[in-house]
Amino acid sequence: MADKEVTYDIFPNGQGFYANCDGHHVGQITFVRIGSDKIIIDHTDVSDKYRNAQIGLNLVRCAANLAREQKRKVITMCPFAAAIFGRYPEFDDVRFLHTR
């Protein structure tokens, strides 16, 4: 897996990102927009074969970067995304509620 390139593409409806490797979806993150200033990350999933390859972290980064571009704050209802937000201070600027 380490030598294969993973790409991240936004869903056609704009409410999530796919992680793709060798033409296959290997992970995804989904979210919904709330009003004009928030998104809720509600699900993150990575294929077992690709776990521990930072794909989940990068999917969360994709959603956070989109939130930054759109001047939104992020609410993490997905346990994985919530854990990532709690572990990495790089997400503090888009976190809706600061619990640190």
Protein backbone atom coordinates (compact mmCIF):
# COMPACT_ATOMS: atom_id res chain seq x y z
CA MET A 1 0.00 0.00 0.00
CA ALA A 2 2.81 2.42 0.83
CA ASP A 3 3.93 2.68 -2.80
CA LYS A 4 0.44 3.25 -4.19
CA GLU A 5 -0.96 6.75 -4.56
CA VAL A 6 -4.18 7.60 -2.76
CA THR A 7 -6.31 10.40 -4.17
CA TYR A 8 -9.15 12.24 -2.47
CA ASP A 9 -12.18 13.35 -4.48
CA ILE A 10 -15.26 15.23 -3.38
CA PHE A 11 -18.62 13.50 -3.86
CA PRO A 12 -20.64 14.76 -6.84
CA ASN A 13 -23.21 16.16 -4.36
CA GLY A 14 -20.45 17.92 -2.37
CA GLN A 15 -21.30 16.16 0.91
CA GLY A 16 -18.26 13.97 1.38
CA PHE A 17 -14.96 12.74 0.02
CA TYR A 18 -13.80 9.41 -1.37
CA ALA A 19 -10.30 8.04 -0.88
CA ASN A 20 -9.31 6.16 -4.03
CA CYS A 21 -6.42 3.81 -4.69
CA ASP A 22 -5.86 1.86 -7.91
CA GLY A 23 -9.31 2.85 -9.16
CA HIS A 24 -11.13 1.59 -6.04
CA HIS A 25 -12.86 3.46 -3.24
CA VAL A 26 -10.88 2.59 -0.10
CA GLY A 27 -12.48 5.09 2.26
CA GLN A 28 -14.97 7.88 2.61
CA ILE A 29 -16.12 10.65 4.88
CA THR A 30 -19.60 12.15 4.81
CA PHE A 31 -20.99 15.37 6.21
CA VAL A 32 -24.03 17.61 6.00
CA ARG A 33 -24.13 21.37 5.88
CA ILE A 34 -26.10 23.11 8.63
CA GLY A 35 -27.10 26.66 7.81
CA SER A 36 -24.44 28.80 6.23
CA ASP A 37 -21.74 28.35 8.84
CA LYS A 38 -21.46 24.72 10.01
CA ILE A 39 -20.95 21.17 8.79
CA ILE A 40 -21.53 17.96 10.71
CA ILE A 41 -19.14 15.09 9.99
CA ASP A 42 -21.37 12.07 10.50
CA HIS A 43 -19.39 9.11 9.14
CA THR A 44 -15.86 8.05 8.27
CA ASP A 45 -14.96 4.64 6.92
CA VAL A 46 -11.72 3.11 5.63
CA SER A 47 -11.35 -0.40 4.20
CA ASP A 48 -9.60 -2.78 6.61
CA LYS A 49 -6.71 -3.27 4.21
CA TYR A 50 -5.98 0.49 4.26
CA ARG A 51 -6.29 1.20 7.96
CA ASN A 52 -3.20 2.62 9.67
CA ALA A 53 -2.22 4.35 6.40
CA GLN A 54 -3.45 7.80 7.51
CA ILE A 55 -6.32 7.66 5.02
CA GLY A 56 -8.89 8.37 7.75
CA LEU A 57 -6.82 11.31 8.99
CA ASN A 58 -6.51 12.66 5.45
CA LEU A 59 -10.25 12.34 4.89
CA VAL A 60 -10.84 14.40 8.02
CA ARG A 61 -8.32 16.92 6.69
CA CYS A 62 -10.24 17.14 3.41
CA ALA A 63 -13.47 17.94 5.26
CA ALA A 64 -11.71 20.46 7.53
CA ASN A 65 -10.07 22.18 4.56
CA LEU A 66 -13.43 22.46 2.82
CA ALA A 67 -14.89 23.95 6.00
CA ARG A 68 -12.05 26.49 6.08
CA GLU A 69 -12.63 27.44 2.43
CA GLN A 70 -16.35 27.90 3.10
CA LYS A 71 -15.80 29.72 6.43
CA ARG A 72 -17.66 27.01 8.37
CA LYS A 73 -17.16 25.37 11.74
CA VAL A 74 -17.20 21.58 12.13
CA ILE A 75 -19.30 19.48 14.48
CA THR A 76 -17.98 15.92 14.78
CA MET A 77 -20.75 13.38 15.32
CA CYS A 78 -18.58 10.60 13.89
CA PRO A 79 -16.53 9.00 16.72
CA PHE A 80 -13.45 8.65 14.51
CA ALA A 81 -13.51 12.29 13.38
CA ALA A 82 -14.12 13.40 16.98
CA ALA A 83 -11.06 11.44 18.11
CA ILE A 84 -8.95 12.97 15.34
CA PHE A 85 -10.15 16.48 16.24
CA GLY A 86 -9.23 15.79 19.86
CA ARG A 87 -5.78 14.47 18.99
CA TYR A 88 -4.56 17.07 16.47
CA PRO A 89 -4.52 20.81 17.25
CA GLU A 90 -4.46 21.58 13.51
CA PHE A 91 -8.27 21.34 13.64
CA ASP A 92 -8.80 23.83 16.48
CA ASP A 93 -9.58 26.67 14.06
CA VAL A 94 -12.59 24.85 12.57
CA ARG A 95 -13.85 23.10 15.70
CA PHE A 96 -17.35 24.32 16.60
CA LEU A 97 -17.01 23.68 20.33
CA HIS A 98 -13.58 23.77 21.91
CA THR A 99 -13.24 21.15 24.63
CA ARG A 100 -9.47 21.30 25.19
